[in-house]
């Protein structure tokens, strides 16, 4: 073999040896660092998203119920709507005709880590008149009945227990007639009803005052009203 061919052959072998050496180093690195990487992943998993829950309350005019529950720390949002009836996706006019069976209600989205369902139920009692059937303050008819629509057996248990406590501790003589029933489909109301108390504060305050809501709550609950 001439000298030039020997040099060329030597270079090829050198490249082969370098490639083999690189593969060996890579394999060694994988063996050394893979366990540490796996351990790191096991120790520090991704933080899960917070779990939110929903509650549904009917307390007469849903503008007022929205306004009341928006004050509670831990409540994420409130949505006015209709539930408890038979008509699919009813309009406000249909519900107001008293023919759908639906009640004006509010769906409350809340963080159970910040406020419990029991606390929401207790607060609800203090924002309604639970002594009258198919009526709240100046509004009359089945759409204005009071009700707790429960999502699942745990909410049902809590709501029933809260009513039992209320029956023993209520500061008035009249019986509690508020319904506690399993929740059905909740239909959000029209956009102009959502956050009505924020969009139309003057009209809202006039309605709430003239309807006698706060005066009656004060008469029923005293210092517990709205708390």
Protein backbone atom coordinates (compact mmCIF):
# COMPACT_ATOMS: atom_id res chain seq x y z
CA UNK A 1 0.00 0.00 0.00
CA UNK A 2 1.44 3.37 -0.95
CA UNK A 3 1.90 6.06 1.73
CA UNK A 4 -1.08 8.17 0.53
CA UNK A 5 -3.44 5.18 0.76
CA UNK A 6 -2.16 4.35 4.22
CA UNK A 7 -2.85 7.88 5.43
CA UNK A 8 -6.38 7.84 3.95
CA UNK A 9 -7.10 4.46 5.58
CA UNK A 10 -5.80 5.70 8.92
CA UNK A 11 -8.07 8.72 8.79
CA UNK A 12 -11.14 6.53 8.13
CA UNK A 13 -10.32 4.35 11.13
CA UNK A 14 -9.80 7.44 13.25
CA UNK A 15 -13.28 8.74 12.31
CA UNK A 16 -14.81 5.31 13.11
CA UNK A 17 -13.10 5.25 16.52
CA UNK A 18 -14.26 8.82 17.26
CA UNK A 19 -17.87 7.90 16.40
CA UNK A 20 -17.75 4.80 18.60
CA UNK A 21 -16.28 6.84 21.46
CA UNK A 22 -19.06 9.44 21.14
CA UNK A 23 -21.77 6.72 21.25
CA UNK A 24 -20.14 5.19 24.34
CA UNK A 25 -20.04 8.56 26.15
CA UNK A 26 -23.72 9.24 25.30
CA UNK A 27 -24.79 5.84 26.66
CA UNK A 28 -22.83 6.46 29.85
CA UNK A 29 -24.45 9.87 30.30
CA UNK A 30 -27.94 8.38 29.93
CA UNK A 31 -27.19 5.76 32.58
CA UNK A 32 -25.83 8.36 35.00
CA UNK A 33 -28.49 11.09 34.68
CA UNK A 34 -31.74 9.23 33.85
CA UNK A 35 -32.44 8.12 37.48
CA UNK A 36 -31.89 11.66 38.77
CA UNK A 37 -34.27 13.11 36.18
CA UNK A 38 -36.93 10.53 37.03
CA UNK A 39 -36.55 11.28 40.75
CA UNK A 40 -36.91 15.01 40.15
CA UNK A 41 -40.17 14.47 38.24
CA UNK A 42 -41.53 12.25 41.00
CA UNK A 43 -40.72 14.78 43.74
CA UNK A 44 -42.10 17.86 41.96
CA UNK A 45 -45.27 17.01 39.99
CA UNK A 46 -47.27 19.68 38.22
CA UNK A 47 -49.61 21.65 40.51
CA UNK A 48 -53.24 20.62 39.82
CA UNK A 49 -55.83 23.26 38.97
CA UNK A 50 -58.13 24.23 41.87
CA UNK A 51 -61.44 22.35 42.03
CA UNK A 52 -64.53 24.56 41.87
CA UNK A 53 -68.14 23.66 42.69
CA UNK A 54 -71.63 24.91 41.85
CA UNK A 55 -74.67 25.65 43.99
CA UNK A 56 -78.14 26.75 42.86
CA UNK A 57 -80.46 28.94 44.92
CA UNK A 58 -83.88 30.43 44.18
CA UNK A 59 -84.69 33.44 46.33
CA UNK A 60 -87.15 35.53 44.37
CA UNK A 61 -85.78 38.15 41.97
CA UNK A 62 -82.49 36.81 40.64
CA UNK A 63 -81.03 40.32 40.36
CA UNK A 64 -81.07 40.50 44.15
CA UNK A 65 -79.79 36.96 44.70
CA UNK A 66 -76.85 37.66 42.37
CA UNK A 67 -76.03 40.85 44.22
CA UNK A 68 -76.15 39.10 47.59
CA UNK A 69 -73.91 36.16 46.69
CA UNK A 70 -71.35 38.26 44.83
CA UNK A 71 -70.42 39.72 48.24
CA UNK A 72 -69.21 36.40 49.64
CA UNK A 73 -65.43 35.74 49.60
CA UNK A 74 -64.78 32.50 47.74
CA UNK A 75 -67.64 32.99 45.28
CA UNK A 76 -66.11 33.10 41.80
CA UNK A 77 -69.18 34.08 39.77
CA UNK A 78 -72.97 34.12 39.75
CA UNK A 79 -75.34 33.47 36.85
CA UNK A 80 -79.03 34.35 36.76
CA UNK A 81 -81.28 31.76 35.15
CA UNK A 82 -84.24 29.45 35.30
CA UNK A 83 -84.64 25.94 36.71
CA UNK A 84 -87.13 23.56 38.28
CA UNK A 85 -89.64 23.51 35.42
CA UNK A 86 -90.43 21.62 32.23
CA UNK A 87 -89.91 24.07 29.35
CA UNK A 88 -86.58 23.70 27.55
CA UNK A 89 -84.48 26.88 27.38
CA UNK A 90 -87.32 29.21 28.41
CA UNK A 91 -87.35 32.97 27.89
CA UNK A 92 -87.99 35.50 30.62
CA UNK A 93 -91.43 36.18 29.15
CA UNK A 94 -92.33 32.48 29.27
CA UNK A 95 -91.20 32.09 32.87
CA UNK A 96 -93.04 35.28 33.86
CA UNK A 97 -96.25 33.83 32.43
CA UNK A 98 -96.19 31.25 35.28
CA UNK A 99 -96.70 28.37 32.84
CA UNK A 100 -93.21 26.80 32.63
CA UNK A 101 -92.83 25.62 36.22
CA UNK A 102 -89.42 27.29 36.39
CA UNK A 103 -88.19 29.47 39.22
CA UNK A 104 -85.88 32.43 38.87
CA UNK A 105 -82.62 31.12 40.31
CA UNK A 106 -78.91 31.82 40.52
CA UNK A 107 -76.08 29.39 39.87
CA UNK A 108 -73.17 30.13 42.19
CA UNK A 109 -69.67 29.04 41.17
CA UNK A 110 -67.45 28.89 44.25
CA UNK A 111 -64.14 27.65 45.60
CA UNK A 112 -64.75 25.06 48.36
CA UNK A 113 -61.27 25.77 49.72
CA UNK A 114 -62.40 29.32 50.55
CA UNK A 115 -66.11 28.97 51.34
CA UNK A 116 -68.10 25.86 52.23
CA UNK A 117 -71.47 24.84 50.84
CA UNK A 118 -72.81 24.89 54.39
CA UNK A 119 -71.80 28.54 54.70
CA UNK A 120 -73.56 29.37 51.42
CA UNK A 121 -76.76 27.68 52.60
CA UNK A 122 -76.70 29.48 55.94
CA UNK A 123 -76.14 32.78 54.18
CA UNK A 124 -78.98 32.02 51.77
CA UNK A 125 -81.47 31.67 54.64
CA UNK A 126 -80.58 35.14 55.86
CA UNK A 127 -81.20 36.72 52.44
CA UNK A 128 -84.75 35.39 51.87
CA UNK A 129 -88.15 35.16 53.50
CA UNK A 130 -88.52 31.37 53.93
CA UNK A 131 -91.99 31.65 55.47
CA UNK A 132 -94.04 32.30 52.31
CA UNK A 133 -94.91 30.01 49.40
CA UNK A 134 -94.68 31.16 45.76
CA UNK A 135 -93.74 34.68 46.79
CA UNK A 136 -90.82 36.87 47.74
CA UNK A 137 -91.54 40.36 48.95
CA UNK A 138 -93.46 42.28 46.24
CA UNK A 139 -93.14 39.50 43.64
CA UNK A 140 -95.84 36.81 43.57
CA UNK A 141 -96.21 33.50 41.75
CA UNK A 142 -94.30 30.21 41.41
CA UNK A 143 -91.32 31.78 39.57
CA UNK A 144 -90.56 33.63 42.82
CA UNK A 145 -90.66 30.63 45.15
CA UNK A 146 -87.67 29.97 47.37
CA UNK A 147 -85.72 26.74 46.85
CA UNK A 148 -82.35 25.09 47.24
CA UNK A 149 -81.55 22.95 44.20
CA UNK A 150 -78.92 20.44 45.29
CA UNK A 151 -76.18 18.94 43.13
CA UNK A 152 -75.68 15.43 44.46
CA UNK A 153 -76.35 13.62 47.75
CA UNK A 154 -73.74 15.54 49.76
CA UNK A 155 -75.33 18.93 49.05
CA UNK A 156 -78.76 17.45 49.80
CA UNK A 157 -77.53 16.18 53.15
CA UNK A 158 -75.99 19.54 54.07
CA UNK A 159 -79.06 21.53 53.01
CA UNK A 160 -81.46 19.31 54.93
CA UNK A 161 -79.28 19.48 58.04
CA UNK A 162 -79.14 23.27 57.75
CA UNK A 163 -82.93 23.47 57.53
CA UNK A 164 -83.26 21.25 60.61
CA UNK A 165 -80.99 23.60 62.54
CA UNK A 166 -82.92 26.61 61.26
CA UNK A 167 -86.22 25.14 62.45
CA UNK A 168 -84.83 25.03 65.99
CA UNK A 169 -83.09 28.41 66.01
CA UNK A 170 -85.20 30.67 63.75
CA UNK A 171 -86.11 34.03 65.31
CA UNK A 172 -89.71 33.89 64.01
CA UNK A 173 -92.72 31.63 64.64
CA UNK A 174 -93.80 30.85 61.05
CA UNK A 175 -92.75 27.48 59.56
CA UNK A 176 -90.04 27.28 56.89
CA UNK A 177 -91.58 26.40 53.51
CA UNK A 178 -88.48 26.68 51.29
CA UNK A 179 -88.08 23.65 49.00
CA UNK A 180 -84.96 21.47 48.97
CA UNK A 181 -84.96 19.45 45.75
CA UNK A 182 -82.42 17.81 43.40
CA UNK A 183 -81.20 20.18 40.71
CA UNK A 184 -82.32 19.72 37.13
CA UNK A 185 -81.13 21.58 34.06
CA UNK A 186 -80.17 25.19 34.74
CA UNK A 187 -80.87 27.59 31.87
CA UNK A 188 -78.95 30.90 31.96
CA UNK A 189 -81.17 33.94 31.58
CA UNK A 190 -80.82 36.57 28.88
CA UNK A 191 -77.68 38.72 28.88
CA UNK A 192 -79.47 41.85 30.06
CA UNK A 193 -80.36 40.08 33.31
CA UNK A 194 -76.76 39.17 34.12
CA UNK A 195 -75.11 41.57 36.59
CA UNK A 196 -78.20 43.76 36.37
CA UNK A 197 -77.37 45.44 39.68
CA UNK A 198 -74.04 46.55 38.23
CA UNK A 199 -75.31 47.62 34.82
CA UNK A 200 -78.34 49.51 36.18
CA UNK A 201 -77.51 50.48 39.76
CA UNK A 202 -80.12 53.23 40.15
CA UNK A 203 -82.99 51.13 38.79
CA UNK A 204 -81.84 48.15 40.82
CA UNK A 205 -81.67 50.08 44.09
CA UNK A 206 -85.10 51.61 43.45
CA UNK A 207 -86.60 48.17 42.75
CA UNK A 208 -85.01 46.53 45.81
CA UNK A 209 -86.10 49.33 48.13
CA UNK A 210 -89.62 49.72 46.77
CA UNK A 211 -90.12 45.94 46.83
CA UNK A 212 -89.46 45.97 50.58
CA UNK A 213 -86.82 43.24 50.48
CA UNK A 214 -84.35 44.64 53.00
CA UNK A 215 -87.08 45.92 55.33
CA UNK A 216 -88.66 42.47 55.51
CA UNK A 217 -85.30 40.77 55.99
CA UNK A 218 -84.53 43.07 58.88
CA UNK A 219 -87.94 42.30 60.38
CA UNK A 220 -87.37 38.54 60.06
CA UNK A 221 -83.69 38.15 60.87
CA UNK A 222 -82.67 41.26 62.78
CA UNK A 223 -78.89 41.54 62.99
CA UNK A 224 -78.50 38.26 61.05
CA UNK A 225 -80.09 39.71 57.90
CA UNK A 226 -77.76 39.39 54.91
CA UNK A 227 -75.04 37.67 56.94
